């Protein structure tokens, strides 16, 4: 007959006669678990007998008075696959049988799945969103609202403060006409990305030159004297200064500005500044 250890699932081939009519306790030679095994009661009985709610310590005290001991002759296994001592049977694993341990199998499966998941996260960025979707509920995407741009009379509450103009001699460009100052938010709410228009007029009031720029950037007098025209324009249009100084301006706050006209025409008689755009910060 075939019996199976209920602890580690190792199967053994055993002669029915070795168990006697009423069965006996047996020890698994693989995990040392002791359980009760009995021969089949009839030809229809199952071939595998498992330990079921068996208090083997109690039964052993009744049967033999002490726990069965591992035999010192266990290495000299008979071909029948068992040997006895003190009325107890110690089972030996057969060369034709392979132990089947569920815990080891499931652990190997879990490790394989975790390894696959980690590999997917490391080498396939799209898999991160897919795996994340398993644990998060899908939410409807909200439409992106474009910020409202205020212009014309709508930006009348942006005032220009401390405005001054002067000339600077640049060693690479020539004469520079510079206008600088501050734009102050007089709105009751925060504003940002204030855009200014600068115009140079001739004697008849006609526009000779016009520039539009976002407030937020200025340069030093030394830079005005040594920078090339490309470097100067890049410094005054730098996004870092605009995003640092010209965003989320609360009521009463101001932002600096500077505009430079290289080598203005001799016909220029005056200049003009006005705020042409501003936005509310996104909510």
Foldseek 3Di string as FASTA:
>chain_A
DWEAEPPQRAIAQADLPLQPQAGDWEAEPPPRDIATDHDDPDPPDDPYDYHDPDPVVVVCCVVQNDDDDDDPCVVVADPNQWDDDSSYIYGHHDPVTDTDGPVVVVVVVVVVVVVVLVVCVVPPVVVVVVVVCVVDPDDDDDDDDDFDKDFDPRQVQWDWPPWDWDWAQAPAQGIKIKIKTKIAHQDQFWKFFWKKKKFFAFPVRDTPDIDIATFFFDDDSVCVHYPDPVVVVCRQRPPVRRVVFGPRRHHGGITMHMDMDGPGDPRTDDMDMDTTIMTHHDD
